[in-house]
N, C-alpha and C. Protein backbone atom coordinates (compact mmCIF):
# COMPACT_ATOMS: atom_id res chain seq x y z
N MET A 1 -53.41 57.84 -4.55
CA MET A 1 -54.19 56.72 -4.80
C MET A 1 -55.35 57.42 -5.74
N LEU A 2 -55.98 56.70 -6.63
CA LEU A 2 -56.96 57.14 -7.48
C LEU A 2 -58.27 56.38 -7.12
N TYR A 3 -59.44 57.01 -7.37
CA TYR A 3 -60.63 56.43 -7.06
C TYR A 3 -61.44 56.34 -8.24
N CYS A 4 -62.18 54.94 -8.48
CA CYS A 4 -62.98 54.91 -9.67
C CYS A 4 -64.48 55.24 -9.22
N THR A 5 -65.01 56.22 -9.83
CA THR A 5 -66.58 56.74 -9.57
C THR A 5 -67.36 55.75 -10.05
N LYS A 6 -67.17 54.90 -11.05
CA LYS A 6 -68.12 54.09 -11.40
C LYS A 6 -68.25 52.77 -10.66
N CYS A 7 -67.28 51.92 -10.21
CA CYS A 7 -67.14 50.88 -9.18
C CYS A 7 -66.85 51.12 -7.71
N GLN A 8 -66.41 52.37 -7.60
CA GLN A 8 -66.20 52.87 -6.09
C GLN A 8 -64.96 52.06 -5.74
N THR A 9 -63.94 51.61 -6.55
CA THR A 9 -62.87 50.83 -5.77
C THR A 9 -61.56 52.00 -5.91
N VAL A 10 -60.51 51.56 -4.98
CA VAL A 10 -59.25 52.23 -4.93
C VAL A 10 -58.11 51.65 -5.94
N CYS A 11 -57.61 52.52 -6.71
CA CYS A 11 -56.50 52.09 -7.51
C CYS A 11 -55.14 52.80 -7.17
N ALA A 12 -54.28 52.12 -7.73
CA ALA A 12 -52.78 52.56 -7.58
C ALA A 12 -52.66 53.87 -8.49
N ASP A 13 -51.80 54.79 -7.95
CA ASP A 13 -51.69 55.94 -8.75
C ASP A 13 -51.14 55.97 -10.31
N SER A 14 -50.51 54.77 -10.47
CA SER A 14 -49.90 54.47 -11.71
C SER A 14 -50.74 54.17 -12.81
N THR A 15 -52.09 53.49 -12.32
CA THR A 15 -53.12 53.05 -13.14
C THR A 15 -53.65 53.93 -14.15
N ARG A 16 -53.84 53.33 -15.41
CA ARG A 16 -54.59 54.26 -16.33
C ARG A 16 -56.08 53.85 -16.56
N THR A 17 -56.25 52.72 -16.22
CA THR A 17 -57.69 52.11 -16.10
C THR A 17 -58.11 51.63 -14.81
N CYS A 18 -59.19 51.48 -14.48
CA CYS A 18 -59.74 50.69 -13.26
C CYS A 18 -59.66 49.28 -13.45
N PRO A 19 -58.89 48.46 -12.57
CA PRO A 19 -58.62 47.07 -12.83
C PRO A 19 -60.07 46.27 -12.83
N ASN A 20 -61.05 46.82 -12.09
CA ASN A 20 -62.45 46.18 -11.90
C ASN A 20 -63.38 46.22 -13.23
N CYS A 21 -63.45 47.75 -13.62
CA CYS A 21 -64.40 47.93 -14.45
C CYS A 21 -63.86 48.44 -15.78
N LYS A 22 -62.45 48.57 -15.93
CA LYS A 22 -61.78 48.87 -17.17
C LYS A 22 -61.89 50.16 -17.44
N ARG A 23 -62.54 51.13 -16.88
CA ARG A 23 -62.86 52.65 -17.24
C ARG A 23 -61.59 53.37 -16.86
N SER A 24 -61.27 54.39 -18.03
CA SER A 24 -60.12 55.25 -17.53
C SER A 24 -60.92 56.77 -17.22
N ARG A 25 -61.94 57.04 -17.71
CA ARG A 25 -62.62 58.40 -17.64
C ARG A 25 -63.24 58.52 -16.13
N ALA A 26 -63.38 57.35 -15.46
CA ALA A 26 -63.94 57.32 -14.19
C ALA A 26 -63.16 57.49 -12.97
N LEU A 27 -61.73 57.54 -13.29
CA LEU A 27 -60.54 57.79 -12.31
C LEU A 27 -60.33 59.20 -11.95
N ARG A 28 -60.42 59.47 -10.80
CA ARG A 28 -59.95 60.84 -10.23
C ARG A 28 -58.93 60.43 -8.76
N PRO A 29 -58.44 61.56 -8.35
CA PRO A 29 -57.76 61.43 -7.00
C PRO A 29 -58.69 61.12 -5.99
N ILE A 30 -58.64 60.48 -5.13
CA ILE A 30 -59.58 60.25 -4.13
C ILE A 30 -59.62 61.11 -2.77
N LYS A 31 -60.80 61.18 -2.28
CA LYS A 31 -61.06 62.15 -1.16
C LYS A 31 -61.37 61.27 -0.10
N ASP A 32 -61.10 61.63 1.34
CA ASP A 32 -61.39 61.14 2.54
C ASP A 32 -62.95 60.77 2.61
N THR A 33 -63.72 61.52 2.09
CA THR A 33 -65.18 61.22 2.09
C THR A 33 -65.77 60.07 1.02
N ASP A 34 -65.10 59.85 0.10
CA ASP A 34 -65.35 59.04 -0.81
C ASP A 34 -65.70 57.47 -0.39
N GLU A 35 -66.84 57.08 -0.50
CA GLU A 35 -67.19 55.59 -0.15
C GLU A 35 -66.63 54.64 -1.11
N VAL A 36 -65.87 53.77 -0.60
CA VAL A 36 -65.12 52.85 -1.26
C VAL A 36 -65.37 51.41 -1.08
N PHE A 37 -65.41 50.65 -2.04
CA PHE A 37 -65.99 49.20 -2.08
C PHE A 37 -65.09 48.48 -0.99
N PHE A 38 -65.62 47.76 0.16
CA PHE A 38 -64.97 47.09 1.12
C PHE A 38 -64.85 45.68 0.95
N MET A 39 -66.01 45.07 0.64
CA MET A 39 -66.33 43.66 0.53
C MET A 39 -67.70 43.15 0.35
N LYS A 40 -67.76 42.12 -0.19
CA LYS A 40 -69.04 41.39 -0.49
C LYS A 40 -69.27 40.31 0.32
N VAL A 41 -70.35 40.33 0.93
CA VAL A 41 -70.68 39.32 2.12
C VAL A 41 -72.14 38.75 2.13
N SER A 42 -72.24 37.79 2.92
CA SER A 42 -73.66 37.28 3.01
C SER A 42 -74.46 38.30 3.80
N GLU A 43 -75.86 38.23 3.90
CA GLU A 43 -76.72 39.05 4.59
C GLU A 43 -76.32 39.20 6.09
N ALA A 44 -76.14 37.88 6.59
CA ALA A 44 -75.74 37.56 8.15
C ALA A 44 -74.57 38.34 8.53
N GLU A 45 -73.46 38.15 7.63
CA GLU A 45 -72.08 38.65 7.81
C GLU A 45 -72.23 40.18 7.75
N ALA A 46 -73.08 40.82 7.04
CA ALA A 46 -73.29 42.07 6.73
C ALA A 46 -73.87 42.93 7.99
N ALA A 47 -74.86 42.14 8.38
CA ALA A 47 -75.32 42.86 9.86
C ALA A 47 -74.24 42.58 10.88
N GLU A 48 -73.37 41.62 11.04
CA GLU A 48 -72.42 41.43 11.85
C GLU A 48 -71.45 42.64 11.83
N LEU A 49 -70.94 42.83 10.75
CA LEU A 49 -69.93 43.90 10.22
C LEU A 49 -70.69 45.28 10.51
N GLU A 50 -71.65 45.36 10.15
CA GLU A 50 -72.43 46.61 10.70
C GLU A 50 -72.15 46.89 12.09
N GLU A 51 -72.62 46.27 12.86
CA GLU A 51 -72.63 46.11 14.42
C GLU A 51 -70.86 46.32 14.83
N ILE A 52 -70.26 45.76 13.99
CA ILE A 52 -68.69 45.81 14.61
C ILE A 52 -68.38 47.39 14.19
N PHE A 53 -68.63 47.78 13.12
CA PHE A 53 -68.36 49.14 12.55
C PHE A 53 -68.98 50.12 13.30
N ASP A 54 -70.22 50.10 13.70
CA ASP A 54 -70.99 50.93 14.55
C ASP A 54 -70.39 51.11 15.84
N ALA A 55 -69.78 50.16 16.45
CA ALA A 55 -69.05 50.10 17.64
C ALA A 55 -67.85 50.92 17.56
N GLN A 56 -67.35 50.81 16.65
CA GLN A 56 -65.86 51.59 16.35
C GLN A 56 -66.06 52.96 15.55
N ALA A 57 -67.44 53.13 15.40
CA ALA A 57 -67.54 54.65 14.67
C ALA A 57 -66.97 54.74 13.39
N ILE A 58 -67.15 53.68 12.46
CA ILE A 58 -66.72 53.52 11.18
C ILE A 58 -68.00 53.78 10.31
N ARG A 59 -68.03 54.81 9.55
CA ARG A 59 -69.19 54.93 8.55
C ARG A 59 -69.17 53.94 7.70
N CYS A 60 -70.26 53.32 7.24
CA CYS A 60 -70.26 52.28 6.15
C CYS A 60 -71.76 52.27 5.66
N ARG A 61 -71.84 51.83 4.39
CA ARG A 61 -73.27 51.63 3.65
C ARG A 61 -73.01 50.29 3.15
N ILE A 62 -74.37 49.75 3.36
CA ILE A 62 -74.57 48.20 2.86
C ILE A 62 -75.63 48.42 1.91
N GLU A 63 -75.48 47.75 0.86
CA GLU A 63 -76.55 47.65 -0.17
C GLU A 63 -76.42 46.25 -1.03
N PRO A 64 -77.67 45.91 -1.70
CA PRO A 64 -77.55 44.45 -2.31
C PRO A 64 -76.86 44.61 -3.42
N VAL A 65 -75.98 43.36 -3.72
CA VAL A 65 -75.26 43.27 -4.79
C VAL A 65 -76.36 43.40 -6.09
N LYS A 66 -76.01 44.07 -7.06
CA LYS A 66 -76.59 44.15 -8.16
C LYS A 66 -76.34 42.99 -9.20
N ALA A 67 -77.57 42.41 -9.75
CA ALA A 67 -77.25 41.30 -10.64
C ALA A 67 -76.60 41.75 -11.90
N GLY A 68 -75.52 40.72 -12.20
CA GLY A 68 -74.94 40.95 -13.30
C GLY A 68 -73.55 41.98 -13.22
N PHE A 69 -73.57 42.60 -12.10
CA PHE A 69 -72.47 43.61 -11.79
C PHE A 69 -71.95 43.48 -10.34
N SER A 70 -70.87 42.91 -9.87
CA SER A 70 -70.25 42.79 -8.63
C SER A 70 -68.84 43.32 -8.80
N VAL A 71 -68.55 44.24 -7.82
CA VAL A 71 -67.29 44.87 -7.73
C VAL A 71 -66.21 43.91 -7.06
N SER A 72 -66.60 42.83 -6.70
CA SER A 72 -65.62 41.96 -5.91
C SER A 72 -64.93 41.40 -7.28
N THR A 73 -63.56 41.44 -6.97
CA THR A 73 -62.57 40.73 -7.89
C THR A 73 -62.44 39.39 -7.39
N PHE A 74 -62.65 39.08 -6.34
CA PHE A 74 -62.61 37.99 -5.54
C PHE A 74 -63.51 36.70 -5.77
N ASP A 75 -64.65 37.12 -5.66
CA ASP A 75 -65.81 35.96 -5.94
C ASP A 75 -66.98 36.48 -7.12
N PRO A 76 -66.86 36.16 -8.14
CA PRO A 76 -67.89 36.82 -9.04
C PRO A 76 -69.03 36.04 -8.93
N GLU A 77 -69.21 35.01 -8.28
CA GLU A 77 -70.60 34.18 -8.05
C GLU A 77 -71.37 35.23 -6.83
N PHE A 78 -72.60 35.36 -7.06
CA PHE A 78 -73.21 35.89 -5.94
C PHE A 78 -74.70 35.19 -5.60
N MET A 79 -75.01 35.46 -4.48
CA MET A 79 -76.44 35.00 -4.12
C MET A 79 -77.36 36.27 -4.01
N PRO A 80 -78.52 36.04 -4.25
CA PRO A 80 -79.56 37.14 -4.03
C PRO A 80 -79.55 37.97 -2.72
N THR A 81 -79.14 37.13 -1.73
CA THR A 81 -79.10 37.79 -0.66
C THR A 81 -77.65 38.66 0.01
N ASP A 82 -76.63 38.46 -0.99
CA ASP A 82 -75.38 39.10 -0.61
C ASP A 82 -75.37 40.48 -0.69
N LYS A 83 -74.49 41.12 0.03
CA LYS A 83 -74.37 42.50 0.17
C LYS A 83 -73.27 43.11 -0.33
N ASN A 84 -73.14 44.19 -0.91
CA ASN A 84 -71.80 45.02 -0.89
C ASN A 84 -71.56 45.99 0.33
N ILE A 85 -70.45 46.14 0.92
CA ILE A 85 -70.17 46.82 1.91
C ILE A 85 -69.15 48.03 1.34
N PHE A 86 -69.57 49.34 1.80
CA PHE A 86 -68.70 50.44 1.37
C PHE A 86 -68.35 51.23 2.62
N VAL A 87 -67.16 51.66 2.75
CA VAL A 87 -66.76 52.50 3.79
C VAL A 87 -66.20 53.75 3.26
N GLU A 88 -66.19 54.88 3.93
CA GLU A 88 -65.48 56.04 3.59
C GLU A 88 -64.04 55.69 3.66
N TYR A 89 -63.23 56.43 2.60
CA TYR A 89 -61.85 56.04 2.34
C TYR A 89 -61.09 56.49 3.69
N ALA A 90 -61.55 57.52 4.44
CA ALA A 90 -60.76 57.92 5.62
C ALA A 90 -60.89 56.74 6.85
N TYR A 91 -61.67 55.80 6.73
CA TYR A 91 -61.88 54.64 7.55
C TYR A 91 -61.46 53.38 6.96
N LEU A 92 -61.09 53.47 5.71
CA LEU A 92 -60.60 52.08 5.17
C LEU A 92 -59.68 51.44 5.98
N GLU A 93 -58.64 52.13 6.27
CA GLU A 93 -57.44 51.27 7.01
C GLU A 93 -58.02 50.66 8.20
N ARG A 94 -58.69 51.39 9.18
CA ARG A 94 -59.31 51.00 10.43
C ARG A 94 -60.27 49.76 10.19
N ALA A 95 -60.93 49.64 9.08
CA ALA A 95 -61.86 48.68 8.60
C ALA A 95 -61.15 47.48 8.47
N ASN A 96 -60.14 47.64 7.61
CA ASN A 96 -59.16 46.33 7.18
C ASN A 96 -58.38 45.85 8.39
N GLU A 97 -58.01 46.59 9.46
CA GLU A 97 -57.45 46.32 10.85
C GLU A 97 -58.55 45.56 11.64
N LEU A 98 -59.82 46.00 11.71
CA LEU A 98 -60.87 45.23 12.35
C LEU A 98 -60.95 43.94 11.60
N MET A 99 -61.04 43.89 10.37
CA MET A 99 -61.45 42.53 9.70
C MET A 99 -60.24 41.67 9.79
N ALA A 100 -59.07 42.05 9.73
CA ALA A 100 -57.88 41.14 10.01
C ALA A 100 -58.08 40.53 11.51
N LYS A 101 -58.41 41.45 12.45
CA LYS A 101 -58.49 41.09 13.91
C LYS A 101 -59.60 39.92 14.01
N GLU A 102 -60.81 40.15 13.44
CA GLU A 102 -61.82 39.29 13.34
C GLU A 102 -61.56 37.91 12.99
N ILE A 103 -60.80 38.06 11.49
CA ILE A 103 -60.46 36.69 11.07
C ILE A 103 -59.34 36.04 11.78
N GLU A 104 -58.48 36.62 12.44
CA GLU A 104 -57.54 36.20 13.45
C GLU A 104 -58.15 35.50 14.78
N ASP A 105 -59.12 36.07 15.19
CA ASP A 105 -60.07 35.57 16.29
C ASP A 105 -60.89 34.42 15.99
N GLU A 106 -61.20 34.28 14.88
CA GLU A 106 -62.15 33.00 14.40
C GLU A 106 -61.14 31.89 13.97
N GLU A 107 -59.91 32.12 13.61
CA GLU A 107 -59.00 31.01 13.37
C GLU A 107 -58.31 30.37 14.54
N MET A 108 -58.44 31.23 15.52
CA MET A 108 -57.53 30.70 16.84
C MET A 108 -58.32 29.48 17.39
N PRO A 109 -57.76 28.28 17.39
CA PRO A 109 -58.30 27.02 17.92
C PRO A 109 -58.65 27.18 19.21
N GLU A 110 -59.67 26.45 19.84
CA GLU A 110 -60.18 26.49 21.22
C GLU A 110 -59.12 25.74 21.90
N GLU A 111 -58.83 26.01 23.12
CA GLU A 111 -57.81 25.50 23.94
C GLU A 111 -58.38 23.98 24.18
N ASP A 112 -57.46 22.97 24.26
CA ASP A 112 -57.95 21.63 24.43
C ASP A 112 -57.30 21.16 25.85
N ASN A 113 -58.03 20.90 26.83
CA ASN A 113 -57.55 20.46 28.26
C ASN A 113 -57.05 19.24 28.56
N VAL A 114 -57.05 18.37 27.35
CA VAL A 114 -56.69 17.03 27.53
C VAL A 114 -55.14 16.95 27.33
N PRO A 115 -54.38 16.20 28.47
CA PRO A 115 -52.94 16.40 28.45
C PRO A 115 -52.35 15.70 27.09
N GLN A 116 -51.25 15.67 26.86
CA GLN A 116 -50.67 15.32 25.56
C GLN A 116 -50.45 13.85 25.85
N SER A 117 -50.12 13.18 27.01
CA SER A 117 -50.05 12.02 27.47
C SER A 117 -51.34 11.03 27.36
N ARG A 118 -52.21 11.63 27.56
CA ARG A 118 -53.49 11.09 27.63
C ARG A 118 -54.08 11.01 26.20
N ARG A 119 -53.92 11.97 25.58
CA ARG A 119 -54.39 12.15 24.15
C ARG A 119 -53.74 10.80 23.35
N LEU A 120 -52.35 10.91 23.57
CA LEU A 120 -51.66 9.81 22.97
C LEU A 120 -52.11 8.28 23.34
N VAL A 121 -52.48 8.05 24.53
CA VAL A 121 -53.23 6.75 25.13
C VAL A 121 -54.36 6.71 24.20
N ILE A 122 -55.31 7.67 24.31
CA ILE A 122 -56.56 7.51 23.50
C ILE A 122 -56.45 7.15 22.12
N GLU A 123 -55.58 7.85 21.45
CA GLU A 123 -55.35 7.46 20.00
C GLU A 123 -54.86 6.32 19.91
N THR A 124 -53.94 5.82 20.70
CA THR A 124 -53.39 4.44 20.56
C THR A 124 -54.38 3.30 20.62
N VAL A 125 -55.09 3.38 21.53
CA VAL A 125 -56.33 2.53 22.02
C VAL A 125 -57.34 2.54 20.76
N SER A 126 -57.56 3.81 20.26
CA SER A 126 -58.46 3.88 19.06
C SER A 126 -58.12 2.97 17.83
N VAL A 127 -56.64 3.17 17.64
CA VAL A 127 -56.04 2.44 16.62
C VAL A 127 -56.13 0.87 16.64
N ILE A 128 -55.95 0.36 17.89
CA ILE A 128 -55.89 -0.88 18.13
C ILE A 128 -57.36 -1.44 17.97
N ALA A 129 -58.26 -0.78 18.43
CA ALA A 129 -59.73 -1.15 18.36
C ALA A 129 -60.17 -1.22 16.98
N PHE A 130 -59.68 -0.33 16.40
CA PHE A 130 -59.88 -0.31 14.83
C PHE A 130 -59.53 -1.45 14.09
N LEU A 131 -58.07 -1.68 14.27
CA LEU A 131 -57.49 -2.96 13.85
C LEU A 131 -58.19 -4.20 14.35
N ILE A 132 -58.74 -4.30 15.60
CA ILE A 132 -59.39 -5.42 15.98
C ILE A 132 -60.80 -5.85 15.41
N LEU A 133 -61.45 -4.57 15.09
CA LEU A 133 -62.77 -4.61 14.29
C LEU A 133 -62.42 -5.24 12.88
N VAL A 134 -61.31 -4.64 12.23
CA VAL A 134 -61.22 -5.09 10.93
C VAL A 134 -60.70 -6.62 10.81
N MET A 135 -59.95 -6.96 11.93
CA MET A 135 -59.54 -8.58 11.82
C MET A 135 -60.87 -9.18 12.06
N LEU A 136 -61.69 -8.91 12.98
CA LEU A 136 -63.10 -9.58 13.31
C LEU A 136 -63.94 -9.68 12.08
N ALA A 137 -63.85 -8.57 11.20
CA ALA A 137 -64.63 -8.68 10.02
C ALA A 137 -64.10 -9.57 9.13
N VAL A 138 -62.81 -9.60 8.96
CA VAL A 138 -62.24 -10.54 7.88
C VAL A 138 -62.41 -11.95 8.39
N PHE A 139 -62.08 -12.22 9.67
CA PHE A 139 -62.51 -13.62 10.05
C PHE A 139 -63.85 -13.97 9.84
N ALA A 140 -64.84 -13.27 10.30
CA ALA A 140 -66.25 -13.54 10.05
C ALA A 140 -66.58 -13.74 8.42
N ALA A 141 -66.03 -12.94 7.80
CA ALA A 141 -66.13 -13.06 6.25
C ALA A 141 -65.56 -14.61 5.64
N ASP A 142 -64.68 -14.83 6.31
CA ASP A 142 -63.95 -15.99 5.95
C ASP A 142 -64.66 -17.22 6.41
N ALA A 143 -65.20 -17.08 7.82
CA ALA A 143 -65.97 -18.16 8.20
C ALA A 143 -67.27 -18.35 7.37
N VAL A 144 -67.83 -17.28 6.98
CA VAL A 144 -69.15 -17.43 6.25
C VAL A 144 -69.01 -17.90 4.79
N ALA A 145 -67.78 -17.72 4.27
CA ALA A 145 -67.23 -18.20 2.93
C ALA A 145 -67.02 -19.62 3.23
N GLY A 146 -66.36 -20.07 4.17
CA GLY A 146 -65.98 -21.63 4.34
C GLY A 146 -67.36 -22.28 4.61
N TRP A 147 -68.40 -21.57 5.15
CA TRP A 147 -69.71 -22.29 5.54
C TRP A 147 -70.51 -22.57 4.38
N LEU A 148 -70.45 -21.26 3.34
CA LEU A 148 -71.14 -21.52 2.08
C LEU A 148 -70.41 -22.57 1.00
N LYS A 149 -69.10 -22.53 1.17
CA LYS A 149 -68.36 -23.63 0.35
C LYS A 149 -68.79 -24.89 0.76
N SER A 150 -68.81 -25.14 2.03
CA SER A 150 -69.20 -26.53 2.50
C SER A 150 -70.69 -27.08 2.14
N LEU A 151 -71.65 -25.96 2.02
CA LEU A 151 -72.98 -26.38 1.59
C LEU A 151 -72.98 -26.73 0.25
N PHE A 152 -72.15 -26.31 -0.66
CA PHE A 152 -72.26 -26.44 -2.05
C PHE A 152 -71.25 -27.69 -2.47
N MET A 153 -70.50 -28.23 -1.65
CA MET A 153 -69.50 -29.22 -1.94
C MET A 153 -70.03 -30.38 -1.48
């Protein structure tokens, strides 16, 4: 793997220029102690990730995103409170695993304790109630229209 000293990203060995900053002179073989760009997050997410990384003994550095320069290829837009997170290359794989686990934990839906048969009954009753309300609104509008028509005829 190659390391871009300008934007601190990891590049493939076959790369001639950094895909982020397009520099070729800044590329060199990566060392385990090199800090590499991990991701750009909001201030609250940065604090949360810092706690997670500290608990797992993953060294990281958090700094504000510089105006006009973001090494994130995913989201070029930034807020003044956004932070860039850098981790040492030796810890990059563990950091990626932790992030994948965190995302998986967030996406897991909460268990619903309502049985399927009861849920079906509730949904059916809701649909019937909605249809009755629509019919009542149509009949009421028709009655008002008939009453107005009788006034002017």
